[in-house]
C-alpha atoms as a PDB file:
ATOM      1  CA  MET A   1     196.793 108.915 104.225  1.00  0.00           C
ATOM      2  CA  ARG A   2     197.133 105.166 103.776  1.00  0.00           C
ATOM      3  CA  ARG A   3     193.341 104.721 103.849  1.00  0.00           C
ATOM      4  CA  THR A   4     192.937 107.532 101.315  1.00  0.00           C
ATOM      5  CA  ALA A   5     195.499 105.953  98.997  1.00  0.00           C
ATOM      6  CA  ILE A   6     193.793 102.564  99.254  1.00  0.00           C
ATOM      7  CA  PHE A   7     190.420 104.196  98.499  1.00  0.00           C
ATOM      8  CA  VAL A   8     191.817 106.006  95.451  1.00  0.00           C
ATOM      9  CA  VAL A   9     193.422 102.815  94.115  1.00  0.00           C
ATOM     10  CA  ALA A  10     190.158 100.908  94.631  1.00  0.00           C
ATOM     11  CA  MET A  11     188.204 103.617  92.805  1.00  0.00           C
ATOM     12  CA  LEU A  12     190.643 103.613  89.898  1.00  0.00           C
ATOM     13  CA  LEU A  13     190.469  99.828  89.650  1.00  0.00           C
ATOM     14  CA  SER A  14     186.683  99.977  89.700  1.00  0.00           C
ATOM     15  CA  ILE A  15     186.595 102.634  86.987  1.00  0.00           C
ATOM     16  CA  GLY A  16     189.105 100.649  84.936  1.00  0.00           C
ATOM     17  CA  THR A  17     186.969  97.539  85.212  1.00  0.00           C
ATOM     18  CA  LEU A  18     183.851  99.409  84.123  1.00  0.00           C
ATOM     19  CA  MET A  19     185.677 100.971  81.192  1.00  0.00           C
ATOM     20  CA  ALA A  20     186.947  97.550  80.121  1.00  0.00           C
ATOM     21  CA  GLN A  21     183.420  96.151  80.008  1.00  0.00           C
ATOM     22  CA  GLU A  22     181.585  96.600  76.738  1.00  0.00           C
ATOM     23  CA  PRO A  23     178.213  98.343  77.202  1.00  0.00           C
ATOM     24  CA  VAL A  24     175.206  96.272  76.175  1.00  0.00           C
ATOM     25  CA  LYS A  25     173.435  97.870  73.233  1.00  0.00           C
ATOM     26  CA  ASN A  26     171.650  94.794  71.856  1.00  0.00           C
ATOM     27  CA  ILE A  27     170.283  91.640  73.519  1.00  0.00           C
ATOM     28  CA  ILE A  28     169.562  88.419  71.653  1.00  0.00           C
ATOM     29  CA  PHE A  29     167.659  86.123  74.024  1.00  0.00           C
ATOM     30  CA  LEU A  30     167.345  82.539  72.785  1.00  0.00           C
ATOM     31  CA  ILE A  31     165.039  80.160  74.668  1.00  0.00           C
ATOM     32  CA  GLY A  32     164.955  76.433  73.956  1.00  0.00           C
ATOM     33  CA  ASP A  33     161.472  75.457  75.131  1.00  0.00           C
ATOM     34  CA  GLY A  34     161.853  72.251  77.155  1.00  0.00           C
ATOM     35  CA  MET A  35     165.641  72.152  76.739  1.00  0.00           C
ATOM     36  CA  GLY A  36     167.235  70.736  79.872  1.00  0.00           C
ATOM     37  CA  LEU A  37     170.885  70.085  80.550  1.00  0.00           C
ATOM     38  CA  ALA A  38     170.370  66.489  79.414  1.00  0.00           C
ATOM     39  CA  SER A  39     169.223  67.774  75.997  1.00  0.00           C
ATOM     40  CA  VAL A  40     172.436  69.790  75.676  1.00  0.00           C
ATOM     41  CA  SER A  41     174.477  66.800  76.872  1.00  0.00           C
ATOM     42  CA  MET A  42     172.765  64.608  74.293  1.00  0.00           C
ATOM     43  CA  MET A  43     173.866  66.932  71.497  1.00  0.00           C
ATOM     44  CA  GLN A  44     177.446  66.938  72.794  1.00  0.00           C
ATOM     45  CA  LEU A  45     177.427  63.151  72.887  1.00  0.00           C
ATOM     46  CA  GLU A  46     175.892  62.914  69.405  1.00  0.00           C
ATOM     47  CA  ASN A  47     178.685  65.207  68.200  1.00  0.00           C
ATOM     48  CA  ASN A  48     181.281  62.797  69.632  1.00  0.00           C
ATOM     49  CA  TYR A  49     182.161  65.478  72.181  1.00  0.00           C
ATOM     50  CA  GLU A  50     183.564  67.763  69.523  1.00  0.00           C
ATOM     51  CA  PRO A  51     182.844  71.375  70.575  1.00  0.00           C
ATOM     52  CA  THR A  52     179.285  72.562  70.021  1.00  0.00           C
ATOM     53  CA  ILE A  53     177.997  76.139  70.139  1.00  0.00           C
ATOM     54  CA  PHE A  54     177.228  75.590  73.834  1.00  0.00           C
ATOM     55  CA  ASP A  55     180.921  74.898  74.489  1.00  0.00           C
ATOM     56  CA  GLU A  56     181.799  78.323  73.070  1.00  0.00           C
ATOM     57  CA  ALA A  57     179.961  80.184  75.838  1.00  0.00           C
ATOM     58  CA  LYS A  58     181.918  83.001  77.483  1.00  0.00           C
ATOM     59  CA  ASN A  59     180.132  82.413  80.793  1.00  0.00           C
ATOM     60  CA  VAL A  60     177.691  79.855  82.227  1.00  0.00           C
ATOM     61  CA  ALA A  61     175.121  80.077  85.033  1.00  0.00           C
ATOM     62  CA  LEU A  62     172.126  78.111  86.334  1.00  0.00           C
ATOM     63  CA  GLN A  63     168.514  79.098  86.933  1.00  0.00           C
ATOM     64  CA  LYS A  64     165.773  77.648  89.138  1.00  0.00           C
ATOM     65  CA  THR A  65     162.475  77.361  87.285  1.00  0.00           C
ATOM     66  CA  TYR A  66     159.655  76.793  89.801  1.00  0.00           C
ATOM     67  CA  SER A  67     156.642  79.089  89.496  1.00  0.00           C
ATOM     68  CA  ALA A  68     154.809  81.085  92.178  1.00  0.00           C
ATOM     69  CA  ASP A  69     152.233  78.339  92.700  1.00  0.00           C
ATOM     70  CA  ASN A  70     153.956  75.153  91.551  1.00  0.00           C
ATOM     71  CA  ARG A  71     157.294  73.426  92.043  1.00  0.00           C
ATOM     72  CA  VAL A  72     157.158  72.444  88.357  1.00  0.00           C
ATOM     73  CA  THR A  73     156.525  75.377  86.055  1.00  0.00           C
ATOM     74  CA  ASP A  74     154.659  75.672  82.785  1.00  0.00           C
ATOM     75  CA  SER A  75     155.886  77.809  79.890  1.00  0.00           C
ATOM     76  CA  ALA A  76     153.642  80.761  80.741  1.00  0.00           C
ATOM     77  CA  ALA A  77     154.946  81.260  84.280  1.00  0.00           C
ATOM     78  CA  SER A  78     158.561  80.625  83.330  1.00  0.00           C
ATOM     79  CA  GLY A  79     158.220  82.783  80.227  1.00  0.00           C
ATOM     80  CA  THR A  80     156.871  85.613  82.360  1.00  0.00           C
ATOM     81  CA  ALA A  81     159.780  85.249  84.807  1.00  0.00           C
ATOM     82  CA  LEU A  82     162.301  85.389  81.962  1.00  0.00           C
ATOM     83  CA  ALA A  83     160.517  88.211  80.160  1.00  0.00           C
ATOM     84  CA  SER A  84     159.618  90.379  83.140  1.00  0.00           C
ATOM     85  CA  GLY A  85     161.713  89.370  86.155  1.00  0.00           C
ATOM     86  CA  VAL A  86     158.686  88.349  88.239  1.00  0.00           C
ATOM     87  CA  LYS A  87     157.508  84.890  89.282  1.00  0.00           C
ATOM     88  CA  THR A  88     153.816  84.203  88.673  1.00  0.00           C
ATOM     89  CA  ASN A  89     151.334  81.328  88.640  1.00  0.00           C
ATOM     90  CA  ASN A  90     151.241  78.628  85.998  1.00  0.00           C
ATOM     91  CA  THR A  91     149.149  79.686  82.947  1.00  0.00           C
ATOM     92  CA  TYR A  92     149.606  83.422  83.763  1.00  0.00           C
ATOM     93  CA  LEU A  93     151.237  85.690  81.175  1.00  0.00           C
ATOM     94  CA  GLY A  94     152.754  89.078  81.979  1.00  0.00           C
ATOM     95  CA  VAL A  95     150.835  89.464  85.233  1.00  0.00           C
ATOM     96  CA  THR A  96     151.554  88.734  88.893  1.00  0.00           C
ATOM     97  CA  PRO A  97     149.565  86.155  90.876  1.00  0.00           C
ATOM     98  CA  ASP A  98     147.126  88.929  91.892  1.00  0.00           C
ATOM     99  CA  GLY A  99     146.640  89.961  88.266  1.00  0.00           C
ATOM    100  CA  SER A 100     148.779  93.103  88.270  1.00  0.00           C
ATOM    101  CA  VAL A 101     150.462  93.878  84.952  1.00  0.00           C
ATOM    102  CA  VAL A 102     154.270  93.619  84.910  1.00  0.00           C
ATOM    103  CA  GLU A 103     156.541  95.375  82.436  1.00  0.00           C
ATOM    104  CA  SER A 104     158.383  93.055  80.064  1.00  0.00           C
ATOM    105  CA  LEU A 105     161.904  93.321  78.714  1.00  0.00           C
ATOM    106  CA  MET A 106     160.390  94.323  75.368  1.00  0.00           C
ATOM    107  CA  GLU A 107     158.362  97.123  76.918  1.00  0.00           C
ATOM    108  CA  VAL A 108     161.411  98.470  78.768  1.00  0.00           C
ATOM    109  CA  ALA A 109     163.350  98.373  75.487  1.00  0.00           C
ATOM    110  CA  GLN A 110     160.557 100.170  73.646  1.00  0.00           C
ATOM    111  CA  SER A 111     160.581 102.946  76.273  1.00  0.00           C
ATOM    112  CA  LYS A 112     164.255 103.437  75.363  1.00  0.00           C
ATOM    113  CA  ASN A 113     163.456 103.655  71.619  1.00  0.00           C
ATOM    114  CA  MET A 114     165.040 100.259  71.020  1.00  0.00           C
ATOM    115  CA  ALA A 115     163.623  97.967  68.332  1.00  0.00           C
ATOM    116  CA  THR A 116     162.063  94.697  69.492  1.00  0.00           C
ATOM    117  CA  GLY A 117     161.186  91.365  67.912  1.00  0.00           C
ATOM    118  CA  VAL A 118     160.269  87.718  68.441  1.00  0.00           C
ATOM    119  CA  VAL A 119     160.969  84.669  66.268  1.00  0.00           C
ATOM    120  CA  VAL A 120     159.460  81.233  66.988  1.00  0.00           C
ATOM    121  CA  THR A 121     158.815  77.836  65.397  1.00  0.00           C
ATOM    122  CA  THR A 122     155.386  77.591  67.005  1.00  0.00           C
ATOM    123  CA  TYR A 123     152.540  80.123  66.880  1.00  0.00           C
ATOM    124  CA  LEU A 124     153.258  83.634  68.107  1.00  0.00           C
ATOM    125  CA  GLN A 125     150.400  83.422  70.606  1.00  0.00           C
ATOM    126  CA  HIS A 126     152.050  80.464  72.368  1.00  0.00           C
ATOM    127  CA  ALA A 127     153.056  80.899  76.006  1.00  0.00           C
ATOM    128  CA  THR A 128     156.748  81.779  75.720  1.00  0.00           C
ATOM    129  CA  PRO A 129     156.539  84.430  72.979  1.00  0.00           C
ATOM    130  CA  ALA A 130     153.301  85.812  74.427  1.00  0.00           C
ATOM    131  CA  ALA A 131     155.041  86.359  77.783  1.00  0.00           C
ATOM    132  CA  PHE A 132     157.085  89.080  76.090  1.00  0.00           C
ATOM    133  CA  TYR A 133     154.093  91.188  74.986  1.00  0.00           C
ATOM    134  CA  ALA A 134     150.812  89.902  76.517  1.00  0.00           C
ATOM    135  CA  HIS A 135     149.164  90.471  79.908  1.00  0.00           C
ATOM    136  CA  ILE A 136     146.468  87.912  80.777  1.00  0.00           C
ATOM    137  CA  ASN A 137     145.839  85.230  83.403  1.00  0.00           C
ATOM    138  CA  SER A 138     145.233  82.400  80.904  1.00  0.00           C
ATOM    139  CA  ARG A 139     147.715  81.380  78.251  1.00  0.00           C
ATOM    140  CA  HIS A 140     144.870  79.635  76.397  1.00  0.00           C
ATOM    141  CA  GLU A 141     142.951  82.822  75.480  1.00  0.00           C
ATOM    142  CA  TYR A 142     144.482  82.868  72.011  1.00  0.00           C
ATOM    143  CA  ALA A 143     141.997  85.301  70.457  1.00  0.00           C
ATOM    144  CA  THR A 144     142.656  87.909  73.151  1.00  0.00           C
ATOM    145  CA  ILE A 145     146.400  87.294  72.978  1.00  0.00           C
ATOM    146  CA  SER A 146     146.186  87.876  69.203  1.00  0.00           C
ATOM    147  CA  GLU A 147     144.610  91.266  69.907  1.00  0.00           C
ATOM    148  CA  GLN A 148     147.367  92.070  72.362  1.00  0.00           C
ATOM    149  CA  LEU A 149     149.992  91.130  69.778  1.00  0.00           C
ATOM    150  CA  LEU A 150     148.510  93.714  67.420  1.00  0.00           C
ATOM    151  CA  GLN A 151     148.409  96.259  70.257  1.00  0.00           C
ATOM    152  CA  SER A 152     152.064  95.599  71.115  1.00  0.00           C
ATOM    153  CA  LYS A 153     154.858  97.790  69.831  1.00  0.00           C
ATOM    154  CA  LEU A 154     156.932  94.908  68.495  1.00  0.00           C
ATOM    155  CA  ASP A 155     158.795  95.792  65.330  1.00  0.00           C
ATOM    156  CA  VAL A 156     159.210  92.237  64.032  1.00  0.00           C
ATOM    157  CA  ALA A 157     157.304  89.038  64.800  1.00  0.00           C
ATOM    158  CA  ILE A 158     157.966  85.858  62.810  1.00  0.00           C
ATOM    159  CA  GLY A 159     156.213  82.524  63.366  1.00  0.00           C
ATOM    160  CA  GLY A 160     152.877  80.802  62.961  1.00  0.00           C
ATOM    161  CA  GLY A 161     149.447  81.711  64.300  1.00  0.00           C
ATOM    162  CA  LEU A 162     147.209  82.995  61.483  1.00  0.00           C
ATOM    163  CA  GLU A 163     144.553  80.509  62.651  1.00  0.00           C
ATOM    164  CA  PHE A 164     143.996  82.447  65.874  1.00  0.00           C
ATOM    165  CA  PHE A 165     143.684  85.764  64.048  1.00  0.00           C
ATOM    166  CA  LYS A 166     141.024  84.168  61.838  1.00  0.00           C
ATOM    167  CA  GLU A 167     139.293  82.902  64.982  1.00  0.00           C
ATOM    168  CA  ARG A 168     139.313  86.387  66.501  1.00  0.00           C
ATOM    169  CA  TYR A 169     138.388  88.431  63.438  1.00  0.00           C
ATOM    170  CA  GLY A 170     136.225  85.944  61.518  1.00  0.00           C
ATOM    171  CA  SER A 171     138.185  85.360  58.303  1.00  0.00           C
ATOM    172  CA  THR A 172     141.604  85.710  56.714  1.00  0.00           C
ATOM    173  CA  CYS A 173     140.508  88.882  54.948  1.00  0.00           C
ATOM    174  CA  LYS A 174     139.273  90.508  58.174  1.00  0.00           C
ATOM    175  CA  ALA A 175     142.394  89.364  60.019  1.00  0.00           C
ATOM    176  CA  LYS A 176     144.628  90.969  57.392  1.00  0.00           C
ATOM    177  CA  LYS A 177     142.637  94.186  57.670  1.00  0.00           C
ATOM    178  CA  ALA A 178     143.047  94.225  61.466  1.00  0.00           C
ATOM    179  CA  ILE A 179     146.771  93.588  61.107  1.00  0.00           C
ATOM    180  CA  ALA A 180     147.147  96.441  58.625  1.00  0.00           C
ATOM    181  CA  GLU A 181     145.147  98.807  60.839  1.00  0.00           C
ATOM    182  CA  SER A 182     147.461  97.996  63.744  1.00  0.00           C
ATOM    183  CA  GLY A 183     150.462  99.287  61.798  1.00  0.00           C
ATOM    184  CA  PHE A 184     152.006  95.923  60.951  1.00  0.00           C
ATOM    185  CA  GLU A 185     152.811  94.833  57.428  1.00  0.00           C
ATOM    186  CA  TYR A 186     151.440  91.297  57.010  1.00  0.00           C
ATOM    187  CA  VAL A 187     153.761  88.748  55.377  1.00  0.00           C
ATOM    188  CA  SER A 188     152.750  85.131  54.683  1.00  0.00           C
ATOM    189  CA  THR A 189     156.003  83.421  53.631  1.00  0.00           C
ATOM    190  CA  MET A 190     159.719  83.609  54.349  1.00  0.00           C
ATOM    191  CA  LYS A 191     160.322  84.351  50.677  1.00  0.00           C
ATOM    192  CA  LYS A 192     158.116  87.437  50.858  1.00  0.00           C
ATOM    193  CA  LEU A 193     159.704  88.428  54.157  1.00  0.00           C
ATOM    194  CA  ASN A 194     163.162  88.372  52.605  1.00  0.00           C
ATOM    195  CA  LYS A 195     161.931  90.709  49.866  1.00  0.00           C
ATOM    196  CA  GLY A 196     160.209  93.065  52.293  1.00  0.00           C
ATOM    197  CA  ASP A 197     161.081  96.538  53.522  1.00  0.00           C
ATOM    198  CA  ASN A 198     163.277  96.401  56.626  1.00  0.00           C
ATOM    199  CA  ALA A 199     162.011  99.808  57.728  1.00  0.00           C
ATOM    200  CA  THR A 200     158.409  98.676  58.320  1.00  0.00           C
ATOM    201  CA  ARG A 201     156.920  96.914  61.353  1.00  0.00           C
ATOM    202  CA  THR A 202     156.409  93.354  60.162  1.00  0.00           C
ATOM    203  CA  LEU A 203     154.151  90.515  61.280  1.00  0.00           C
ATOM    204  CA  ALA A 204     155.206  87.379  59.393  1.00  0.00           C
ATOM    205  CA  LEU A 205     152.619  84.624  59.902  1.00  0.00           C
ATOM    206  CA  VAL A 206     154.296  81.905  57.872  1.00  0.00           C
ATOM    207  CA  ALA A 207     151.972  79.099  59.047  1.00  0.00           C
ATOM    208  CA  ASP A 208     148.343  78.739  60.086  1.00  0.00           C
ATOM    209  CA  LYS A 209     149.444  77.339  63.442  1.00  0.00           C
ATOM    210  CA  GLU A 210     152.966  76.007  64.019  1.00  0.00           C
ATOM    211  CA  VAL A 211     155.777  76.394  61.533  1.00  0.00           C
ATOM    212  CA  GLY A 212     156.280  72.725  62.341  1.00  0.00           C
ATOM    213  CA  ALA A 213     158.804  70.157  63.416  1.00  0.00           C
ATOM    214  CA  ASP A 214     161.933  69.378  61.411  1.00  0.00           C
ATOM    215  CA  SER A 215     161.748  72.782  59.696  1.00  0.00           C
ATOM    216  CA  GLY A 216     165.373  72.727  58.582  1.00  0.00           C
ATOM    217  CA  ASP A 217     167.124  76.085  58.554  1.00  0.00           C
ATOM    218  CA  TYR A 218     163.910  78.102  59.054  1.00  0.00           C
ATOM    219  CA  LEU A 219     164.822  79.272  62.568  1.00  0.00           C
ATOM    220  CA  ALA A 220     168.347  80.311  61.581  1.00  0.00           C
ATOM    221  CA  GLU A 221     167.035  82.104  58.487  1.00  0.00           C
ATOM    222  CA  ALA A 222     164.296  83.867  60.440  1.00  0.00           C
ATOM    223  CA  THR A 223     166.771  84.887  63.151  1.00  0.00           C
ATOM    224  CA  SER A 224     169.166  86.311  60.572  1.00  0.00           C
ATOM    225  CA  LYS A 225     166.379  88.275  58.872  1.00  0.00           C
ATOM    226  CA  ALA A 226     165.040  89.590  62.180  1.00  0.00           C
ATOM    227  CA  LEU A 227     168.516  90.809  63.165  1.00  0.00           C
ATOM    228  CA  GLU A 228     168.841  92.603  59.844  1.00  0.00           C
ATOM    229  CA  MET A 229     165.469  94.295  60.293  1.00  0.00           C
ATOM    230  CA  LEU A 230     165.962  95.195  63.955  1.00  0.00           C
ATOM    231  CA  GLU A 231     169.425  96.626  63.345  1.00  0.00           C
ATOM    232  CA  GLU A 232     167.942  99.002  60.785  1.00  0.00           C
ATOM    233  CA  ARG A 233     164.920  99.915  62.905  1.00  0.00           C
ATOM    234  CA  GLY A 234     166.829 100.250  66.175  1.00  0.00           C
ATOM    235  CA  GLY A 235     169.721 102.233  64.791  1.00  0.00           C
ATOM    236  CA  GLU A 236     171.851 103.848  67.484  1.00  0.00           C
ATOM    237  CA  HIS A 237     169.353 102.833  70.188  1.00  0.00           C
ATOM    238  CA  GLY A 238     169.832  99.092  69.643  1.00  0.00           C
ATOM    239  CA  PHE A 239     167.363  96.231  69.869  1.00  0.00           C
ATOM    240  CA  VAL A 240     166.112  93.213  71.814  1.00  0.00           C
ATOM    241  CA  LEU A 241     165.285  89.977  69.993  1.00  0.00           C
ATOM    242  CA  MET A 242     163.773  86.837  71.558  1.00  0.00           C
ATOM    243  CA  VAL A 243     164.171  83.603  69.573  1.00  0.00           C
ATOM    244  CA  GLU A 244     162.449  80.398  70.673  1.00  0.00           C
ATOM    245  CA  GLY A 245     163.281  76.855  69.639  1.00  0.00           C
ATOM    246  CA  SER A 246     159.676  76.011  70.378  1.00  0.00           C
ATOM    247  CA  LEU A 247     159.327  72.353  69.473  1.00  0.00           C
ATOM    248  CA  ILE A 248     162.176  70.919  71.550  1.00  0.00           C
ATOM    249  CA  ASP A 249     159.430  70.834  74.167  1.00  0.00           C
ATOM    250  CA  GLY A 250     156.986  68.862  72.034  1.00  0.00           C
ATOM    251  CA  MET A 251     159.553  66.178  71.320  1.00  0.00           C
ATOM    252  CA  GLY A 252     160.218  65.912  75.042  1.00  0.00           C
ATOM    253  CA  HIS A 253     156.506  65.498  75.711  1.00  0.00           C
ATOM    254  CA  GLY A 254     156.531  62.750  73.073  1.00  0.00           C
ATOM    255  CA  ASN A 255     159.662  61.145  74.559  1.00  0.00           C
ATOM    256  CA  ASP A 256     161.236  61.133  71.091  1.00  0.00           C
ATOM    257  CA  ALA A 257     165.023  61.557  71.350  1.00  0.00           C
ATOM    258  CA  LYS A 258     165.712  61.550  67.602  1.00  0.00           C
ATOM    259  CA  ALA A 259     163.056  64.180  66.955  1.00  0.00           C
ATOM    260  CA  GLN A 260     164.368  66.311  69.816  1.00  0.00           C
ATOM    261  CA  GLN A 261     167.864  66.091  68.336  1.00  0.00           C
ATOM    262  CA  ARG A 262     166.538  67.549  65.082  1.00  0.00           C
ATOM    263  CA  GLU A 263     164.859  70.410  66.930  1.00  0.00           C
ATOM    264  CA  MET A 264     168.005  70.998  68.967  1.00  0.00           C
ATOM    265  CA  LEU A 265     170.088  71.198  65.781  1.00  0.00           C
ATOM    266  CA  SER A 266     167.703  73.802  64.383  1.00  0.00           C
ATOM    267  CA  PHE A 267     167.951  75.812  67.603  1.00  0.00           C
ATOM    268  CA  MET A 268     171.738  75.502  67.680  1.00  0.00           C
ATOM    269  CA  GLN A 269     171.923  76.907  64.146  1.00  0.00           C
ATOM    270  CA  ALA A 270     169.967  79.945  65.332  1.00  0.00           C
ATOM    271  CA  ILE A 271     172.361  80.326  68.277  1.00  0.00           C
ATOM    272  CA  GLU A 272     175.270  80.266  65.825  1.00  0.00           C
ATOM    273  CA  VAL A 273     173.653  83.087  63.830  1.00  0.00           C
ATOM    274  CA  ALA A 274     173.282  85.119  67.026  1.00  0.00           C
ATOM    275  CA  VAL A 275     176.841  84.451  68.226  1.00  0.00           C
ATOM    276  CA  ASP A 276     178.245  85.320  64.792  1.00  0.00           C
ATOM    277  CA  TYR A 277     176.305  88.590  64.917  1.00  0.00           C
ATOM    278  CA  ALA A 278     177.689  89.341  68.388  1.00  0.00           C
ATOM    279  CA  SER A 279     181.247  88.643  67.229  1.00  0.00           C
ATOM    280  CA  GLU A 280     180.789  91.326  64.561  1.00  0.00           C
ATOM    281  CA  HIS A 281     178.927  93.701  66.905  1.00  0.00           C
ATOM    282  CA  PRO A 282     180.834  93.692  70.225  1.00  0.00           C
ATOM    283  CA  ASP A 283     178.061  95.611  72.010  1.00  0.00           C
ATOM    284  CA  THR A 284     175.692  92.619  71.705  1.00  0.00           C
ATOM    285  CA  LEU A 285     174.841  90.197  74.511  1.00  0.00           C
ATOM    286  CA  VAL A 286     173.606  86.708  73.589  1.00  0.00           C
ATOM    287  CA  VAL A 287     171.750  84.771  76.295  1.00  0.00           C
ATOM    288  CA  VAL A 288     170.790  81.133  75.704  1.00  0.00           C
ATOM    289  CA  THR A 289     168.630  79.217  78.163  1.00  0.00           C
ATOM    290  CA  ALA A 290     165.349  77.288  78.491  1.00  0.00           C
ATOM    291  CA  ASP A 291     162.066  77.881  80.264  1.00  0.00           C
ATOM    292  CA  HIS A 292     162.125  74.394  81.812  1.00  0.00           C
ATOM    293  CA  SER A 293     163.053  70.816  80.969  1.00  0.00           C
ATOM    294  CA  THR A 294     160.538  68.437  79.423  1.00  0.00           C
ATOM    295  CA  GLY A 295     160.380  64.666  79.554  1.00  0.00           C
ATOM    296  CA  GLY A 296     162.869  64.057  82.354  1.00  0.00           C
ATOM    297  CA  LEU A 297     165.518  62.898  79.884  1.00  0.00           C
ATOM    298  CA  THR A 298     168.430  60.901  81.276  1.00  0.00           C
ATOM    299  CA  ILE A 299     171.507  59.489  79.537  1.00  0.00           C
ATOM    300  CA  VAL A 300     172.439  56.104  80.978  1.00  0.00           C
ATOM    301  CA  SER A 301     174.851  53.262  80.350  1.00  0.00           C
ATOM    302  CA  ALA A 302     173.296  50.505  78.270  1.00  0.00           C
ATOM    303  CA  GLU A 303     175.254  47.880  80.251  1.00  0.00           C
ATOM    304  CA  ALA A 304     176.087  47.585  83.935  1.00  0.00           C
ATOM    305  CA  ASP A 305     179.484  45.981  83.251  1.00  0.00           C
ATOM    306  CA  PHE A 306     181.971  48.878  83.441  1.00  0.00           C
ATOM    307  CA  THR A 307     184.915  46.593  82.667  1.00  0.00           C
ATOM    308  CA  LEU A 308     183.849  46.839  79.021  1.00  0.00           C
ATOM    309  CA  SER A 309     185.631  49.426  76.917  1.00  0.00           C
ATOM    310  CA  GLU A 310     182.255  50.805  75.815  1.00  0.00           C
ATOM    311  CA  GLN A 311     178.915  50.020  77.413  1.00  0.00           C
ATOM    312  CA  GLY A 312     176.868  52.070  74.980  1.00  0.00           C
ATOM    313  CA  VAL A 313     174.323  54.682  76.045  1.00  0.00           C
ATOM    314  CA  GLU A 314     170.552  54.918  76.099  1.00  0.00           C
ATOM    315  CA  TYR A 315     168.280  57.940  76.211  1.00  0.00           C
ATOM    316  CA  ARG A 316     165.569  57.265  78.759  1.00  0.00           C
ATOM    317  CA  TRP A 317     162.578  59.426  79.614  1.00  0.00           C
ATOM    318  CA  THR A 318     160.924  59.586  83.017  1.00  0.00           C
ATOM    319  CA  THR A 319     157.780  61.647  82.308  1.00  0.00           C
ATOM    320  CA  LYS A 320     155.527  62.933  79.552  1.00  0.00           C
ATOM    321  CA  GLY A 321     155.393  66.277  81.345  1.00  0.00           C
ATOM    322  CA  HIS A 322     157.816  68.894  82.594  1.00  0.00           C
ATOM    323  CA  SER A 323     160.506  68.391  85.232  1.00  0.00           C
ATOM    324  CA  GLY A 324     161.845  70.670  87.928  1.00  0.00           C
ATOM    325  CA  GLU A 325     165.645  70.572  87.749  1.00  0.00           C
ATOM    326  CA  MET A 326     167.820  73.659  87.281  1.00  0.00           C
ATOM    327  CA  ILE A 327     168.409  74.890  83.745  1.00  0.00           C
ATOM    328  CA  PRO A 328     171.699  76.104  82.220  1.00  0.00           C
ATOM    329  CA  ILE A 329     172.285  79.648  80.983  1.00  0.00           C
ATOM    330  CA  TYR A 330     174.935  80.183  78.300  1.00  0.00           C
ATOM    331  CA  LEU A 331     176.287  83.691  77.744  1.00  0.00           C
ATOM    332  CA  TYR A 332     178.238  85.219  74.879  1.00  0.00           C
ATOM    333  CA  GLY A 333     179.439  88.714  74.036  1.00  0.00           C
ATOM    334  CA  ALA A 334     179.076  92.023  75.862  1.00  0.00           C
ATOM    335  CA  GLY A 335     177.913  91.854  79.453  1.00  0.00           C
ATOM    336  CA  ALA A 336     178.293  88.071  79.758  1.00  0.00           C
ATOM    337  CA  GLU A 337     180.224  88.612  82.983  1.00  0.00           C
ATOM    338  CA  HIS A 338     177.180  90.224  84.644  1.00  0.00           C
ATOM    339  CA  ILE A 339     175.186  86.984  84.885  1.00  0.00           C
ATOM    340  CA  ASN A 340     176.679  84.461  87.269  1.00  0.00           C
ATOM    341  CA  GLY A 341     176.029  81.657  89.711  1.00  0.00           C
ATOM    342  CA  ILE A 342     172.757  80.029  90.667  1.00  0.00           C
ATOM    343  CA  MET A 343     169.769  82.336  90.282  1.00  0.00           C
ATOM    344  CA  GLU A 344     165.994  82.355  90.054  1.00  0.00           C
ATOM    345  CA  ASN A 345     164.582  82.544  86.536  1.00  0.00           C
ATOM    346  CA  SER A 346     163.046  85.841  87.616  1.00  0.00           C
ATOM    347  CA  GLU A 347     166.516  87.128  88.589  1.00  0.00           C
ATOM    348  CA  LEU A 348     167.709  86.497  85.046  1.00  0.00           C
ATOM    349  CA  GLY A 349     164.727  88.385  83.638  1.00  0.00           C
ATOM    350  CA  ALA A 350     165.312  91.279  86.033  1.00  0.00           C
ATOM    351  CA  LYS A 351     169.024  91.418  85.185  1.00  0.00           C
ATOM    352  CA  LEU A 352     168.327  91.722  81.466  1.00  0.00           C
ATOM    353  CA  LYS A 353     165.910  94.578  82.110  1.00  0.00           C
ATOM    354  CA  GLU A 354     168.545  96.223  84.301  1.00  0.00           C
ATOM    355  CA  LEU A 355     171.212  95.940  81.594  1.00  0.00           C
ATOM    356  CA  ILE A 356     169.170  98.042  79.166  1.00  0.00           C
ATOM    357  CA  LYS A 357     167.799 100.433  81.780  1.00  0.00           C
END
């Protein structure tokens, strides 16, 4: 009898816990390309340690970023792990090391009639966004990746990349024709996007290549518009949106702390848009992380004399490439409690797929 009573109590507690957890209807997945913990720390320091959007996280975890064939990942392998829950080789997109196609978070969502979208500050054929819709063993095959973007079932895609469509189809006119035939409405500026029909599948190529560094509130504006469009298209089924702060990485490669701060601010504004949306839609999970760290940024005392009241700080870089340390994961909204501890980047990708399955 005692064992039965204990079992019943445990079952009731379990059911109560499940009922208390908000189901995840929407996922907003924000990836700061090249954003390590030092980049986040730099923004906290620059804000005089007043709370930033990172400090508002409901839960925090860590991910290991190495790829299947390298202890230091590139954006293609890490993007694939985050998008599909599978580790692969550097330069590979949406395929395993043996070339087998893996299902992405977007494709799982589409099978559930959810709306899907990507927003980036680089070109849409770049490694991280492409990991969410492309399947190819070279991230540099931009013409083929452009074809695969048109073959994808994404509802909204906002970023640069017209140049690669022109390369594939021969001219702007032919590229626009191919885009139209694929079922996308082509949009060339944010102004036109804001005036567009939210009910149509939209490919907004707002730059020939990258939208560009120091693009102000572009990423926040594009994120807000994408959420508006996906909410309408997804309806009761919900949506998945991936937003990339793409050029944090480039400023790390260039070892430029001031420029990286500007890109971080742009990305943080987009996070704020996502978190605000989640606060108004309690069935929304916001996940913020990076694919890897770039530049090996460290924050060090400018003076060795710690008897001084303030030694000052310096931002120092240790490489022009990527680095292999663990990356933070910040979680907000519904389902934040499901992602915990130290995990592989592929575990995070698999968990997000599981949450919508």
